[in-house]
């Protein structure tokens, strides 16, 4: 498995943002065959945070370490 690409992460983020909008309008929404409803708002929020972080990480080009003190 090659891992998550920036395109994959952007697509997932867009899907979860759409789900959030639809659920906020009182509708259900389906992602990859899984229906989400208003009761799933917390899961939708977690997924948006996760995929937003992935997009930001992949856009930066990798992991960086800040505030490390050499020994």
PDB file of N, CA and C in Angstrom:
ATOM      1  N   UNK A   1       0.844  -1.175   0.000  1.00  0.00           N
ATOM      2  CA  UNK A   1       0.000   0.000   0.000  1.00  0.00           C
ATOM      3  C   UNK A   1       0.891   1.241   0.000  1.00  0.00           C
ATOM      4  N   UNK A   2       0.585   2.165  -0.883  1.00  0.00           N
ATOM      5  CA  UNK A   2       1.426   3.340  -1.083  1.00  0.00           C
ATOM      6  C   UNK A   2       1.193   4.427  -0.049  1.00  0.00           C
ATOM      7  N   UNK A   3       0.120   4.377   0.694  1.00  0.00           N
ATOM      8  CA  UNK A   3      -0.168   5.421   1.664  1.00  0.00           C
ATOM      9  C   UNK A   3      -1.156   6.433   1.115  1.00  0.00           C
ATOM     10  N   UNK A   4      -1.407   7.451   1.901  1.00  0.00           N
ATOM     11  CA  UNK A   4      -2.387   8.471   1.543  1.00  0.00           C
ATOM     12  C   UNK A   4      -1.703   9.556   0.720  1.00  0.00           C
ATOM     13  N   UNK A   5      -2.278   9.858  -0.436  1.00  0.00           N
ATOM     14  CA  UNK A   5      -1.758  10.945  -1.258  1.00  0.00           C
ATOM     15  C   UNK A   5      -2.486  12.235  -0.905  1.00  0.00           C
ATOM     16  N   UNK A   6      -1.927  13.347  -1.336  1.00  0.00           N
ATOM     17  CA  UNK A   6      -2.575  14.635  -1.112  1.00  0.00           C
ATOM     18  C   UNK A   6      -3.950  14.656  -1.772  1.00  0.00           C
ATOM     19  N   UNK A   7      -4.050  14.105  -2.970  1.00  0.00           N
ATOM     20  CA  UNK A   7      -5.341  14.061  -3.668  1.00  0.00           C
ATOM     21  C   UNK A   7      -6.362  13.246  -2.885  1.00  0.00           C
ATOM     22  N   UNK A   8      -5.933  12.095  -2.346  1.00  0.00           N
ATOM     23  CA  UNK A   8      -6.830  11.267  -1.526  1.00  0.00           C
ATOM     24  C   UNK A   8      -7.328  12.053  -0.317  1.00  0.00           C
ATOM     25  N   UNK A   9      -6.411  12.717   0.367  1.00  0.00           N
ATOM     26  CA  UNK A   9      -6.764  13.473   1.572  1.00  0.00           C
ATOM     27  C   UNK A   9      -7.711  14.621   1.243  1.00  0.00           C
ATOM     28  N   UNK A  10      -7.450  15.323   0.145  1.00  0.00           N
ATOM     29  CA  UNK A  10      -8.323  16.430  -0.259  1.00  0.00           C
ATOM     30  C   UNK A  10      -9.720  15.927  -0.611  1.00  0.00           C
ATOM     31  N   UNK A  11      -9.790  14.782  -1.284  1.00  0.00           N
ATOM     32  CA  UNK A  11     -11.084  14.193  -1.640  1.00  0.00           C
ATOM     33  C   UNK A  11     -11.861  13.803  -0.397  1.00  0.00           C
ATOM     34  N   UNK A  12     -11.185  13.157   0.547  1.00  0.00           N
ATOM     35  CA  UNK A  12     -11.847  12.751   1.790  1.00  0.00           C
ATOM     36  C   UNK A  12     -12.327  13.964   2.579  1.00  0.00           C
ATOM     37  N   UNK A  13     -11.493  14.995   2.668  1.00  0.00           N
ATOM     38  CA  UNK A  13     -11.887  16.208   3.382  1.00  0.00           C
ATOM     39  C   UNK A  13     -13.121  16.825   2.730  1.00  0.00           C
ATOM     40  N   UNK A  14     -13.132  16.910   1.411  1.00  0.00           N
ATOM     41  CA  UNK A  14     -14.289  17.467   0.697  1.00  0.00           C
ATOM     42  C   UNK A  14     -15.541  16.635   0.960  1.00  0.00           C
ATOM     43  N   UNK A  15     -15.402  15.303   0.964  1.00  0.00           N
ATOM     44  CA  UNK A  15     -16.546  14.421   1.239  1.00  0.00           C
ATOM     45  C   UNK A  15     -17.118  14.662   2.630  1.00  0.00           C
ATOM     46  N   UNK A  16     -16.234  14.762   3.627  1.00  0.00           N
ATOM     47  CA  UNK A  16     -16.704  14.952   4.999  1.00  0.00           C
ATOM     48  C   UNK A  16     -17.279  16.347   5.215  1.00  0.00           C
ATOM     49  N   UNK A  17     -16.749  17.350   4.536  1.00  0.00           N
ATOM     50  CA  UNK A  17     -17.331  18.691   4.623  1.00  0.00           C
ATOM     51  C   UNK A  17     -18.725  18.712   4.003  1.00  0.00           C
ATOM     52  N   UNK A  18     -18.901  18.002   2.887  1.00  0.00           N
ATOM     53  CA  UNK A  18     -20.223  17.886   2.267  1.00  0.00           C
ATOM     54  C   UNK A  18     -21.183  17.174   3.202  1.00  0.00           C
ATOM     55  N   UNK A  19     -20.715  16.103   3.835  1.00  0.00           N
ATOM     56  CA  UNK A  19     -21.554  15.368   4.786  1.00  0.00           C
ATOM     57  C   UNK A  19     -21.991  16.280   5.923  1.00  0.00           C
ATOM     58  N   UNK A  20     -21.076  17.086   6.425  1.00  0.00           N
ATOM     59  CA  UNK A  20     -21.399  18.005   7.512  1.00  0.00           C
ATOM     60  C   UNK A  20     -22.482  18.990   7.090  1.00  0.00           C
ATOM     61  N   UNK A  21     -22.358  19.527   5.891  1.00  0.00           N
ATOM     62  CA  UNK A  21     -23.349  20.474   5.380  1.00  0.00           C
ATOM     63  C   UNK A  21     -24.714  19.814   5.240  1.00  0.00           C
ATOM     64  N   UNK A  22     -24.742  18.625   4.663  1.00  0.00           N
ATOM     65  CA  UNK A  22     -26.010  17.918   4.455  1.00  0.00           C
ATOM     66  C   UNK A  22     -26.672  17.558   5.781  1.00  0.00           C
ATOM     67  N   UNK A  23     -25.887  17.067   6.721  1.00  0.00           N
ATOM     68  CA  UNK A  23     -26.428  16.684   8.023  1.00  0.00           C
ATOM     69  C   UNK A  23     -26.930  17.922   8.765  1.00  0.00           C
ATOM     70  N   UNK A  24     -26.215  19.039   8.640  1.00  0.00           N
ATOM     71  CA  UNK A  24     -26.655  20.279   9.284  1.00  0.00           C
ATOM     72  C   UNK A  24     -27.989  20.762   8.712  1.00  0.00           C
ATOM     73  N   UNK A  25     -28.259  20.412   7.465  1.00  0.00           N
ATOM     74  CA  UNK A  25     -29.523  20.771   6.824  1.00  0.00           C
ATOM     75  C   UNK A  25     -30.630  19.777   7.168  1.00  0.00           C
ATOM     76  N   UNK A  26     -30.309  18.801   8.006  1.00  0.00           N
ATOM     77  CA  UNK A  26     -31.312  17.838   8.442  1.00  0.00           C
ATOM     78  C   UNK A  26     -31.454  16.628   7.543  1.00  0.00           C
ATOM     79  N   UNK A  27     -30.510  16.453   6.628  1.00  0.00           N
ATOM     80  CA  UNK A  27     -30.553  15.323   5.719  1.00  0.00           C
ATOM     81  C   UNK A  27     -29.528  14.284   6.152  1.00  0.00           C
ATOM     82  N   UNK A  28     -29.692  13.089   5.629  1.00  0.00           N
ATOM     83  CA  UNK A  28     -28.643  12.094   5.808  1.00  0.00           C
ATOM     84  C   UNK A  28     -27.753  12.162   4.571  1.00  0.00           C
ATOM     85  N   UNK A  29     -26.573  11.562   4.667  1.00  0.00           N
ATOM     86  CA  UNK A  29     -25.620  11.606   3.567  1.00  0.00           C
ATOM     87  C   UNK A  29     -24.867  10.292   3.571  1.00  0.00           C
ATOM     88  N   UNK A  30     -24.432   9.840   2.412  1.00  0.00           N
ATOM     89  CA  UNK A  30     -23.741   8.565   2.300  1.00  0.00           C
ATOM     90  C   UNK A  30     -22.322   8.769   1.785  1.00  0.00           C
ATOM     91  N   UNK A  31     -21.363   8.171   2.492  1.00  0.00           N
ATOM     92  CA  UNK A  31     -19.962   8.179   2.079  1.00  0.00           C
ATOM     93  C   UNK A  31     -19.518   6.731   1.999  1.00  0.00           C
ATOM     94  N   UNK A  32     -19.097   6.313   0.829  1.00  0.00           N
ATOM     95  CA  UNK A  32     -18.624   4.936   0.610  1.00  0.00           C
ATOM     96  C   UNK A  32     -19.620   3.910   1.132  1.00  0.00           C
ATOM     97  N   UNK A  33     -20.896   4.137   0.883  1.00  0.00           N
ATOM     98  CA  UNK A  33     -21.931   3.196   1.286  1.00  0.00           C
ATOM     99  C   UNK A  33     -22.366   3.303   2.732  1.00  0.00           C
ATOM    100  N   UNK A  34     -21.767   4.200   3.498  1.00  0.00           N
ATOM    101  CA  UNK A  34     -22.121   4.375   4.913  1.00  0.00           C
ATOM    102  C   UNK A  34     -22.972   5.628   5.060  1.00  0.00           C
ATOM    103  N   UNK A  35     -24.175   5.479   5.563  1.00  0.00           N
ATOM    104  CA  UNK A  35     -25.061   6.628   5.769  1.00  0.00           C
ATOM    105  C   UNK A  35     -24.723   7.308   7.087  1.00  0.00           C
ATOM    106  N   UNK A  36     -24.622   8.634   7.048  1.00  0.00           N
ATOM    107  CA  UNK A  36     -24.401   9.403   8.269  1.00  0.00           C
ATOM    108  C   UNK A  36     -25.595  10.323   8.472  1.00  0.00           C
ATOM    109  N   UNK A  37     -25.953  10.528   9.721  1.00  0.00           N
ATOM    110  CA  UNK A  37     -27.103  11.359  10.061  1.00  0.00           C
ATOM    111  C   UNK A  37     -26.678  12.375  11.114  1.00  0.00           C
ATOM    112  N   UNK A  38     -27.634  13.151  11.565  1.00  0.00           N
ATOM    113  CA  UNK A  38     -27.344  14.170  12.580  1.00  0.00           C
ATOM    114  C   UNK A  38     -26.711  13.543  13.827  1.00  0.00           C
ATOM    115  N   UNK A  39     -27.088  12.329  14.147  1.00  0.00           N
ATOM    116  CA  UNK A  39     -26.534  11.649  15.321  1.00  0.00           C
ATOM    117  C   UNK A  39     -25.039  11.383  15.162  1.00  0.00           C
ATOM    118  N   UNK A  40     -24.538  11.430  13.928  1.00  0.00           N
ATOM    119  CA  UNK A  40     -23.125  11.173  13.658  1.00  0.00           C
ATOM    120  C   UNK A  40     -22.294  12.456  13.601  1.00  0.00           C
ATOM    121  N   UNK A  41     -22.823  13.551  14.091  1.00  0.00           N
ATOM    122  CA  UNK A  41     -22.139  14.846  13.990  1.00  0.00           C
ATOM    123  C   UNK A  41     -20.747  14.811  14.617  1.00  0.00           C
ATOM    124  N   UNK A  42     -20.586  14.146  15.746  1.00  0.00           N
ATOM    125  CA  UNK A  42     -19.277  14.073  16.408  1.00  0.00           C
ATOM    126  C   UNK A  42     -18.275  13.315  15.539  1.00  0.00           C
ATOM    127  N   UNK A  43     -18.706  12.216  14.940  1.00  0.00           N
ATOM    128  CA  UNK A  43     -17.833  11.449  14.047  1.00  0.00           C
ATOM    129  C   UNK A  43     -17.456  12.282  12.823  1.00  0.00           C
ATOM    130  N   UNK A  44     -18.407  13.012  12.282  1.00  0.00           N
ATOM    131  CA  UNK A  44     -18.134  13.873  11.131  1.00  0.00           C
ATOM    132  C   UNK A  44     -17.097  14.925  11.513  1.00  0.00           C
ATOM    133  N   UNK A  45     -17.255  15.533  12.679  1.00  0.00           N
ATOM    134  CA  UNK A  45     -16.297  16.543  13.148  1.00  0.00           C
ATOM    135  C   UNK A  45     -14.894  15.948  13.279  1.00  0.00           C
ATOM    136  N   UNK A  46     -14.800  14.760  13.852  1.00  0.00           N
ATOM    137  CA  UNK A  46     -13.499  14.101  14.012  1.00  0.00           C
ATOM    138  C   UNK A  46     -12.853  13.817  12.659  1.00  0.00           C
ATOM    139  N   UNK A  47     -13.658  13.365  11.711  1.00  0.00           N
ATOM    140  CA  UNK A  47     -13.134  13.062  10.380  1.00  0.00           C
ATOM    141  C   UNK A  47     -12.652  14.327   9.667  1.00  0.00           C
ATOM    142  N   UNK A  48     -13.384  15.420   9.820  1.00  0.00           N
ATOM    143  CA  UNK A  48     -12.967  16.687   9.207  1.00  0.00           C
ATOM    144  C   UNK A  48     -11.627  17.129   9.791  1.00  0.00           C
ATOM    145  N   UNK A  49     -11.487  17.051  11.103  1.00  0.00           N
ATOM    146  CA  UNK A  49     -10.224  17.428  11.750  1.00  0.00           C
ATOM    147  C   UNK A  49      -9.091  16.535  11.254  1.00  0.00           C
ATOM    148  N   UNK A  50      -9.333  15.218  11.209  1.00  0.00           N
ATOM    149  CA  UNK A  50      -8.312  14.267  10.759  1.00  0.00           C
ATOM    150  C   UNK A  50      -7.865  14.570   9.332  1.00  0.00           C
ATOM    151  N   UNK A  51      -8.835  14.685   8.418  1.00  0.00           N
ATOM    152  CA  UNK A  51      -8.480  14.883   7.012  1.00  0.00           C
ATOM    153  C   UNK A  51      -7.897  16.270   6.764  1.00  0.00           C
ATOM    154  N   UNK A  52      -8.309  17.270   7.519  1.00  0.00           N
ATOM    155  CA  UNK A  52      -7.712  18.597   7.393  1.00  0.00           C
ATOM    156  C   UNK A  52      -6.239  18.539   7.793  1.00  0.00           C
ATOM    157  N   UNK A  53      -5.935  17.825   8.855  1.00  0.00           N
ATOM    158  CA  UNK A  53      -4.540  17.667   9.290  1.00  0.00           C
ATOM    159  C   UNK A  53      -3.720  16.921   8.240  1.00  0.00           C
ATOM    160  N   UNK A  54      -4.329  15.892   7.643  1.00  0.00           N
ATOM    161  CA  UNK A  54      -3.617  15.137   6.610  1.00  0.00           C
ATOM    162  C   UNK A  54      -3.299  16.022   5.409  1.00  0.00           C
ATOM    163  N   UNK A  55      -4.272  16.822   4.977  1.00  0.00           N
ATOM    164  CA  UNK A  55      -4.045  17.730   3.847  1.00  0.00           C
ATOM    165  C   UNK A  55      -2.920  18.705   4.187  1.00  0.00           C
ATOM    166  N   UNK A  56      -2.967  19.286   5.377  1.00  0.00           N
ATOM    167  CA  UNK A  56      -1.923  20.234   5.779  1.00  0.00           C
ATOM    168  C   UNK A  56      -0.556  19.559   5.851  1.00  0.00           C
ATOM    169  N   UNK A  57      -0.515  18.352   6.400  1.00  0.00           N
ATOM    170  CA  UNK A  57       0.753  17.619   6.518  1.00  0.00           C
ATOM    171  C   UNK A  57       1.325  17.310   5.142  1.00  0.00           C
ATOM    172  N   UNK A  58       0.486  16.829   4.240  1.00  0.00           N
ATOM    173  CA  UNK A  58       0.954  16.462   2.910  1.00  0.00           C
ATOM    174  C   UNK A  58       1.317  17.687   2.074  1.00  0.00           C
ATOM    175  N   UNK A  59       0.655  18.793   2.326  1.00  0.00           N
ATOM    176  CA  UNK A  59       0.962  20.029   1.613  1.00  0.00           C
ATOM    177  C   UNK A  59       2.324  20.574   2.036  1.00  0.00           C
ATOM    178  N   UNK A  60       2.655  20.414   3.316  1.00  0.00           N
ATOM    179  CA  UNK A  60       3.950  20.877   3.828  1.00  0.00           C
ATOM    180  C   UNK A  60       5.098  20.032   3.298  1.00  0.00           C
ATOM    181  N   UNK A  61       4.807  18.814   2.907  1.00  0.00           N
ATOM    182  CA  UNK A  61       5.851  17.953   2.376  1.00  0.00           C
ATOM    183  C   UNK A  61       6.487  17.039   3.398  1.00  0.00           C
ATOM    184  N   UNK A  62       5.890  16.895   4.546  1.00  0.00           N
ATOM    185  CA  UNK A  62       6.429  15.944   5.505  1.00  0.00           C
ATOM    186  C   UNK A  62       6.352  16.417   6.933  1.00  0.00           C
ATOM    187  N   UNK A  63       6.949  15.648   7.789  1.00  0.00           N
ATOM    188  CA  UNK A  63       6.930  15.921   9.219  1.00  0.00           C
ATOM    189  C   UNK A  63       8.112  16.820   9.562  1.00  0.00           C
ATOM    190  N   UNK A  64       7.868  17.816  10.378  1.00  0.00           N
ATOM    191  CA  UNK A  64       8.950  18.666  10.866  1.00  0.00           C
ATOM    192  C   UNK A  64       8.954  18.626  12.384  1.00  0.00           C
ATOM    193  N   UNK A  65      10.130  18.771  12.946  1.00  0.00           N
ATOM    194  CA  UNK A  65      10.271  18.788  14.399  1.00  0.00           C
ATOM    195  C   UNK A  65      10.619  20.213  14.802  1.00  0.00           C
ATOM    196  N   UNK A  66       9.842  20.751  15.716  1.00  0.00           N
ATOM    197  CA  UNK A  66      10.071  22.113  16.183  1.00  0.00           C
ATOM    198  C   UNK A  66      10.375  22.084  17.669  1.00  0.00           C
ATOM    199  N   UNK A  67      11.266  22.938  18.082  1.00  0.00           N
ATOM    200  CA  UNK A  67      11.547  23.079  19.501  1.00  0.00           C
ATOM    201  C   UNK A  67      12.431  21.990  20.080  1.00  0.00           C
ATOM    202  N   UNK A  68      13.129  21.253  19.241  1.00  0.00           N
ATOM    203  CA  UNK A  68      14.009  20.203  19.741  1.00  0.00           C
ATOM    204  C   UNK A  68      15.308  20.824  20.251  1.00  0.00           C
ATOM    205  N   UNK A  69      15.798  20.310  21.354  1.00  0.00           N
ATOM    206  CA  UNK A  69      17.051  20.786  21.928  1.00  0.00           C
ATOM    207  C   UNK A  69      18.120  19.726  21.714  1.00  0.00           C
ATOM    208  N   UNK A  70      19.207  20.073  21.003  1.00  0.00           N
ATOM    209  CA  UNK A  70      20.268  19.075  20.800  1.00  0.00           C
ATOM    210  C   UNK A  70      20.946  18.723  22.123  1.00  0.00           C
ATOM    211  N   UNK A  71      21.335  17.484  22.234  1.00  0.00           N
ATOM    212  CA  UNK A  71      21.971  17.011  23.465  1.00  0.00           C
ATOM    213  C   UNK A  71      23.448  16.858  23.250  1.00  0.00           C
TER     214      UNK A  71
END
